[in-house]
Structures are given as structure tokens and as C-alpha cells.
């Protein structure tokens, strides 16, 4: 049912160099890959808000 959408997501991820999950992209600038502790997310969100 969702085969086309899933394939599009996979292709888009590969174009951005994403090869695993979890992977987070914040404001299209900050990226976190793999398991992260909460402090890493806090720092990433703070950094992303400065770059807006």
C-alpha cells in the first residue's frame, strides 16, 4: 500500500547520506544520528535556534 512512499523516503535519506536509524534533522542544519542522550538534543535545539 505504501511501497512508493517508503521508496521515496529511502531515496531521499540516501541522498542526504543517512544510512541508519534513528536519525534526526533539526531546521535542515543540525543532524543527530544514533541513540543520543537528552543533553545532546538540548544542545542541538539551542544551536539550531541560534542559526534560524
N, C-alpha and C. Protein backbone atom coordinates (compact mmCIF):
# COMPACT_ATOMS: atom_id res chain seq x y z
N UNK A 1 0.82 -1.20 0.00
CA UNK A 1 0.00 0.00 0.00
C UNK A 1 0.87 1.26 0.00
N UNK A 2 1.92 1.30 0.80
CA UNK A 2 2.76 2.49 0.92
C UNK A 2 4.14 2.30 0.29
N UNK A 3 4.26 1.33 -0.58
CA UNK A 3 5.56 0.99 -1.16
C UNK A 3 6.23 2.19 -1.84
N UNK A 4 5.49 2.95 -2.62
CA UNK A 4 6.06 4.10 -3.33
C UNK A 4 6.57 5.16 -2.35
N UNK A 5 5.78 5.46 -1.32
CA UNK A 5 6.17 6.47 -0.33
C UNK A 5 7.42 6.03 0.44
N UNK A 6 7.47 4.77 0.80
CA UNK A 6 8.63 4.25 1.53
C UNK A 6 9.88 4.34 0.66
N UNK A 7 9.76 3.95 -0.59
CA UNK A 7 10.90 4.01 -1.52
C UNK A 7 11.38 5.45 -1.68
N UNK A 8 10.47 6.42 -1.78
CA UNK A 8 10.84 7.83 -1.90
C UNK A 8 11.58 8.31 -0.65
N UNK A 9 11.12 7.90 0.52
CA UNK A 9 11.79 8.27 1.77
C UNK A 9 13.19 7.68 1.83
N UNK A 10 13.33 6.44 1.43
CA UNK A 10 14.64 5.78 1.42
C UNK A 10 15.58 6.51 0.47
N UNK A 11 15.11 6.80 -0.72
CA UNK A 11 15.95 7.51 -1.70
C UNK A 11 16.38 8.88 -1.19
N UNK A 12 15.44 9.62 -0.61
CA UNK A 12 15.76 10.94 -0.08
C UNK A 12 16.79 10.84 1.05
N UNK A 13 16.63 9.88 1.92
CA UNK A 13 17.57 9.69 3.02
C UNK A 13 18.96 9.36 2.50
N UNK A 14 19.04 8.49 1.53
CA UNK A 14 20.33 8.12 0.96
C UNK A 14 21.00 9.30 0.28
N UNK A 15 20.23 10.16 -0.36
CA UNK A 15 20.78 11.37 -0.99
C UNK A 15 21.42 12.28 0.04
N UNK A 16 20.91 12.26 1.28
CA UNK A 16 21.45 13.08 2.35
C UNK A 16 22.52 12.35 3.16
N UNK A 17 22.87 11.15 2.74
CA UNK A 17 23.91 10.40 3.43
C UNK A 17 23.44 9.67 4.67
N UNK A 18 22.15 9.56 4.85
CA UNK A 18 21.60 8.86 6.01
C UNK A 18 21.52 7.38 5.68
N UNK A 19 22.15 6.58 6.55
CA UNK A 19 22.17 5.14 6.28
C UNK A 19 21.61 4.31 7.42
N UNK A 20 21.14 4.95 8.48
CA UNK A 20 20.62 4.20 9.60
C UNK A 20 19.59 5.00 10.38
N UNK A 21 19.00 4.35 11.33
CA UNK A 21 18.02 5.00 12.19
C UNK A 21 18.40 4.73 13.63
N UNK A 22 18.06 5.55 14.58
CA UNK A 22 17.34 6.81 14.36
C UNK A 22 18.26 7.89 13.80
N UNK A 23 17.67 8.81 13.09
CA UNK A 23 18.40 9.95 12.55
C UNK A 23 17.48 11.16 12.64
N UNK A 24 17.99 12.24 13.20
CA UNK A 24 17.19 13.43 13.42
C UNK A 24 17.81 14.61 12.70
N UNK A 25 16.99 15.41 12.04
CA UNK A 25 17.45 16.62 11.36
C UNK A 25 16.64 17.77 11.93
N UNK A 26 17.33 18.79 12.43
CA UNK A 26 16.69 19.93 13.07
C UNK A 26 16.94 21.16 12.22
N UNK A 27 15.86 21.81 11.78
CA UNK A 27 15.93 23.02 10.95
C UNK A 27 16.79 22.82 9.70
N UNK A 28 16.83 21.63 9.20
CA UNK A 28 17.62 21.30 8.00
C UNK A 28 19.10 21.66 8.14
N UNK A 29 19.60 21.78 9.36
CA UNK A 29 21.00 22.14 9.57
C UNK A 29 21.71 21.22 10.55
N UNK A 30 21.09 20.96 11.67
CA UNK A 30 21.71 20.15 12.71
C UNK A 30 21.22 18.70 12.55
N UNK A 31 22.16 17.76 12.58
CA UNK A 31 21.79 16.35 12.46
C UNK A 31 22.36 15.54 13.62
N UNK A 32 21.55 14.65 14.12
CA UNK A 32 21.97 13.70 15.15
C UNK A 32 21.65 12.31 14.63
N UNK A 33 22.61 11.42 14.78
CA UNK A 33 22.42 10.07 14.29
C UNK A 33 22.68 9.09 15.42
N UNK A 34 21.87 8.06 15.49
CA UNK A 34 22.03 7.06 16.54
C UNK A 34 21.40 7.51 17.84
N UNK A 35 21.52 6.67 18.84
CA UNK A 35 20.97 6.98 20.15
C UNK A 35 21.75 8.13 20.78
N UNK A 36 21.05 9.10 21.29
CA UNK A 36 21.66 10.28 21.91
C UNK A 36 21.06 10.50 23.29
N UNK A 37 21.85 11.03 24.18
CA UNK A 37 21.29 11.35 25.49
C UNK A 37 20.53 12.67 25.39
N UNK A 38 19.63 12.93 26.32
CA UNK A 38 18.81 14.14 26.26
C UNK A 38 19.63 15.43 26.17
N UNK A 39 20.78 15.48 26.81
CA UNK A 39 21.60 16.69 26.77
C UNK A 39 22.05 17.01 25.35
N UNK A 40 22.34 16.00 24.56
CA UNK A 40 22.72 16.22 23.16
C UNK A 40 21.58 16.88 22.39
N UNK A 41 20.35 16.44 22.65
CA UNK A 41 19.20 17.05 21.99
C UNK A 41 19.01 18.49 22.42
N UNK A 42 19.17 18.75 23.70
CA UNK A 42 19.04 20.13 24.21
C UNK A 42 20.05 21.03 23.53
N UNK A 43 21.30 20.60 23.46
CA UNK A 43 22.34 21.40 22.80
C UNK A 43 22.04 21.60 21.32
N UNK A 44 21.56 20.57 20.66
CA UNK A 44 21.25 20.67 19.23
C UNK A 44 20.11 21.65 18.99
N UNK A 45 19.07 21.61 19.82
CA UNK A 45 17.96 22.55 19.66
C UNK A 45 18.39 23.98 19.95
N UNK A 46 19.23 24.16 20.96
CA UNK A 46 19.74 25.51 21.24
C UNK A 46 20.56 26.03 20.07
N UNK A 47 21.43 25.20 19.54
CA UNK A 47 22.26 25.60 18.41
C UNK A 47 21.40 25.89 17.18
N UNK A 48 20.39 25.08 16.95
CA UNK A 48 19.51 25.28 15.80
C UNK A 48 18.72 26.58 15.93
N UNK A 49 18.33 26.93 17.15
CA UNK A 49 17.55 28.16 17.33
C UNK A 49 18.40 29.40 17.11
N UNK A 50 19.69 29.32 17.36
CA UNK A 50 20.60 30.44 17.11
C UNK A 50 20.81 30.61 15.62
N UNK A 51 20.81 29.51 14.89
CA UNK A 51 21.08 29.55 13.45
C UNK A 51 19.86 29.90 12.60
N UNK A 52 18.71 30.13 13.21
CA UNK A 52 17.49 30.40 12.43
C UNK A 52 17.53 31.79 11.86
